[in-house]
Amino acid sequence: MEREKRYPTKDFHIGKLIKAELTRQGRSITWLASQVDCSRENLYKVFRHKWIYTDLLFQICEALDYDFFQVCSERFQSKKRERNGQSVDSNFPKDWDE
């Protein structure tokens, strides 16, 4: 079975999730760029992508004090339960896939 069929990620967008958390905290892109030592332009690219390098994600987690890895893990577990026909309790932020 292909990976995408087993664990679909088409509706999981880490860039949008990061941007939503940044906005929720009332912080600016300039602030985050200074915290993770990258340009604002690169952060705008991050917001548009559904994927991110783990080292950059770790830096963003530290800067925002938010565990995006946990969100990814919960998403994985939810999809796994869904695939196995088990009930799914979602702890995802309400706007994680908007």
C-alpha atoms as a PDB file:
ATOM      1  CA  MET A   1       0.000   0.000   0.000  1.00  0.00           C
ATOM      2  CA  GLU A   2       1.336   3.409  -0.925  1.00  0.00           C
ATOM      3  CA  ARG A   3       2.215   5.759   1.913  1.00  0.00           C
ATOM      4  CA  GLU A   4      -0.223   8.472   0.798  1.00  0.00           C
ATOM      5  CA  LYS A   5      -3.120   6.023   0.785  1.00  0.00           C
ATOM      6  CA  ARG A   6      -2.283   4.738   4.261  1.00  0.00           C
ATOM      7  CA  TYR A   7      -1.636   8.112   5.877  1.00  0.00           C
ATOM      8  CA  PRO A   8      -3.179  10.836   3.748  1.00  0.00           C
ATOM      9  CA  THR A   9      -1.704  14.257   4.328  1.00  0.00           C
ATOM     10  CA  LYS A  10      -3.605  16.199   1.698  1.00  0.00           C
ATOM     11  CA  ASP A  11      -5.625  17.990   4.374  1.00  0.00           C
ATOM     12  CA  PHE A  12      -2.766  18.483   6.827  1.00  0.00           C
ATOM     13  CA  HIS A  13      -0.948  21.765   6.243  1.00  0.00           C
ATOM     14  CA  ILE A  14       1.824  22.451   8.756  1.00  0.00           C
ATOM     15  CA  GLY A  15       2.502  25.912   7.311  1.00  0.00           C
ATOM     16  CA  LYS A  16      -1.073  27.023   7.944  1.00  0.00           C
ATOM     17  CA  LEU A  17      -0.947  25.553  11.427  1.00  0.00           C
ATOM     18  CA  ILE A  18       2.228  27.498  12.253  1.00  0.00           C
ATOM     19  CA  LYS A  19       0.753  30.716  10.895  1.00  0.00           C
ATOM     20  CA  ALA A  20      -2.463  30.173  12.882  1.00  0.00           C
ATOM     21  CA  GLU A  21      -0.521  29.676  16.122  1.00  0.00           C
ATOM     22  CA  LEU A  22       1.630  32.733  15.435  1.00  0.00           C
ATOM     23  CA  THR A  23      -1.524  34.783  14.891  1.00  0.00           C
ATOM     24  CA  ARG A  24      -3.220  33.302  17.976  1.00  0.00           C
ATOM     25  CA  GLN A  25      -0.261  34.414  20.071  1.00  0.00           C
ATOM     26  CA  GLY A  26      -0.398  37.912  18.570  1.00  0.00           C
ATOM     27  CA  ARG A  27       3.199  37.722  17.395  1.00  0.00           C
ATOM     28  CA  SER A  28       4.577  39.107  14.158  1.00  0.00           C
ATOM     29  CA  ILE A  29       6.383  37.346  11.355  1.00  0.00           C
ATOM     30  CA  THR A  30       9.318  39.673  11.974  1.00  0.00           C
ATOM     31  CA  TRP A  31       9.465  38.486  15.590  1.00  0.00           C
ATOM     32  CA  LEU A  32       9.429  34.806  14.591  1.00  0.00           C
ATOM     33  CA  ALA A  33      12.043  35.378  11.893  1.00  0.00           C
ATOM     34  CA  SER A  34      14.371  36.886  14.483  1.00  0.00           C
ATOM     35  CA  GLN A  35      13.766  33.978  16.869  1.00  0.00           C
ATOM     36  CA  VAL A  36      14.582  31.270  14.322  1.00  0.00           C
ATOM     37  CA  ASP A  37      17.255  33.244  12.471  1.00  0.00           C
ATOM     38  CA  CYS A  38      15.687  33.243   9.037  1.00  0.00           C
ATOM     39  CA  SER A  39      14.214  35.863   6.767  1.00  0.00           C
ATOM     40  CA  ARG A  40      10.586  36.898   6.714  1.00  0.00           C
ATOM     41  CA  GLU A  41      10.498  35.813   3.075  1.00  0.00           C
ATOM     42  CA  ASN A  42      11.480  32.276   4.079  1.00  0.00           C
ATOM     43  CA  LEU A  43       8.774  32.213   6.744  1.00  0.00           C
ATOM     44  CA  TYR A  44       6.175  33.230   4.170  1.00  0.00           C
ATOM     45  CA  LYS A  45       7.361  30.226   2.141  1.00  0.00           C
ATOM     46  CA  VAL A  46       6.993  28.011   5.220  1.00  0.00           C
ATOM     47  CA  PHE A  47       3.387  29.190   5.628  1.00  0.00           C
ATOM     48  CA  ARG A  48       2.624  28.145   2.038  1.00  0.00           C
ATOM     49  CA  HIS A  49       4.114  24.647   2.348  1.00  0.00           C
ATOM     50  CA  LYS A  50       2.523  21.491   3.681  1.00  0.00           C
ATOM     51  CA  TRP A  51       5.955  20.241   4.786  1.00  0.00           C
ATOM     52  CA  ILE A  52       8.852  21.623   6.778  1.00  0.00           C
ATOM     53  CA  TYR A  53      12.357  20.549   7.748  1.00  0.00           C
ATOM     54  CA  THR A  54      12.334  19.089  11.241  1.00  0.00           C
ATOM     55  CA  ASP A  55      15.191  21.272  12.476  1.00  0.00           C
ATOM     56  CA  LEU A  56      13.302  24.430  11.496  1.00  0.00           C
ATOM     57  CA  LEU A  57      10.094  23.065  12.996  1.00  0.00           C
ATOM     58  CA  PHE A  58      11.954  22.392  16.247  1.00  0.00           C
ATOM     59  CA  GLN A  59      13.176  26.011  16.329  1.00  0.00           C
ATOM     60  CA  ILE A  60       9.655  27.274  15.669  1.00  0.00           C
ATOM     61  CA  CYS A  61       8.313  25.023  18.446  1.00  0.00           C
ATOM     62  CA  GLU A  62      10.811  26.522  20.866  1.00  0.00           C
ATOM     63  CA  ALA A  63      10.117  30.100  19.789  1.00  0.00           C
ATOM     64  CA  LEU A  64       6.346  29.757  20.060  1.00  0.00           C
ATOM     65  CA  ASP A  65       6.459  27.336  22.992  1.00  0.00           C
ATOM     66  CA  TYR A  66       4.061  25.102  21.057  1.00  0.00           C
ATOM     67  CA  ASP A  67       4.567  21.417  20.258  1.00  0.00           C
ATOM     68  CA  PHE A  68       3.772  21.040  16.567  1.00  0.00           C
ATOM     69  CA  PHE A  69       5.335  17.576  16.690  1.00  0.00           C
ATOM     70  CA  GLN A  70       2.573  16.528  19.102  1.00  0.00           C
ATOM     71  CA  VAL A  71      -0.039  17.863  16.700  1.00  0.00           C
ATOM     72  CA  CYS A  72       1.531  15.816  13.893  1.00  0.00           C
ATOM     73  CA  SER A  73       1.592  12.741  16.114  1.00  0.00           C
ATOM     74  CA  GLU A  74      -2.049  13.198  17.082  1.00  0.00           C
ATOM     75  CA  ARG A  75      -2.948  13.557  13.413  1.00  0.00           C
ATOM     76  CA  PHE A  76      -1.107  10.332  12.632  1.00  0.00           C
ATOM     77  CA  GLN A  77      -2.840   8.468  15.489  1.00  0.00           C
ATOM     78  CA  SER A  78      -6.231   9.838  14.469  1.00  0.00           C
ATOM     79  CA  LYS A  79      -5.804   8.704  10.870  1.00  0.00           C
ATOM     80  CA  LYS A  80      -4.567   5.326  12.049  1.00  0.00           C
ATOM     81  CA  ARG A  81      -7.639   4.835  14.274  1.00  0.00           C
ATOM     82  CA  GLU A  82      -9.892   6.055  11.492  1.00  0.00           C
ATOM     83  CA  ARG A  83      -8.357   3.555   9.082  1.00  0.00           C
ATOM     84  CA  ASN A  84      -8.870   0.764  11.620  1.00  0.00           C
ATOM     85  CA  GLY A  85     -12.509   1.729  12.189  1.00  0.00           C
ATOM     86  CA  GLN A  86     -12.001   3.001  15.723  1.00  0.00           C
ATOM     87  CA  SER A  87     -13.604   6.134  17.136  1.00  0.00           C
ATOM     88  CA  VAL A  88     -11.642   9.298  16.617  1.00  0.00           C
ATOM     89  CA  ASP A  89     -11.385  11.971  19.304  1.00  0.00           C
ATOM     90  CA  SER A  90      -9.813  15.041  17.763  1.00  0.00           C
ATOM     91  CA  ASN A  91      -7.657  17.355  19.859  1.00  0.00           C
ATOM     92  CA  PHE A  92      -6.617  19.447  16.878  1.00  0.00           C
ATOM     93  CA  PRO A  93      -6.939  23.206  16.993  1.00  0.00           C
ATOM     94  CA  LYS A  94     -10.237  24.185  15.381  1.00  0.00           C
ATOM     95  CA  ASP A  95      -8.526  26.096  12.558  1.00  0.00           C
ATOM     96  CA  TRP A  96      -5.673  23.643  11.870  1.00  0.00           C
ATOM     97  CA  ASP A  97      -6.864  22.796   8.340  1.00  0.00           C
ATOM     98  CA  GLU A  98      -8.334  26.104   7.192  1.00  0.00           C
END
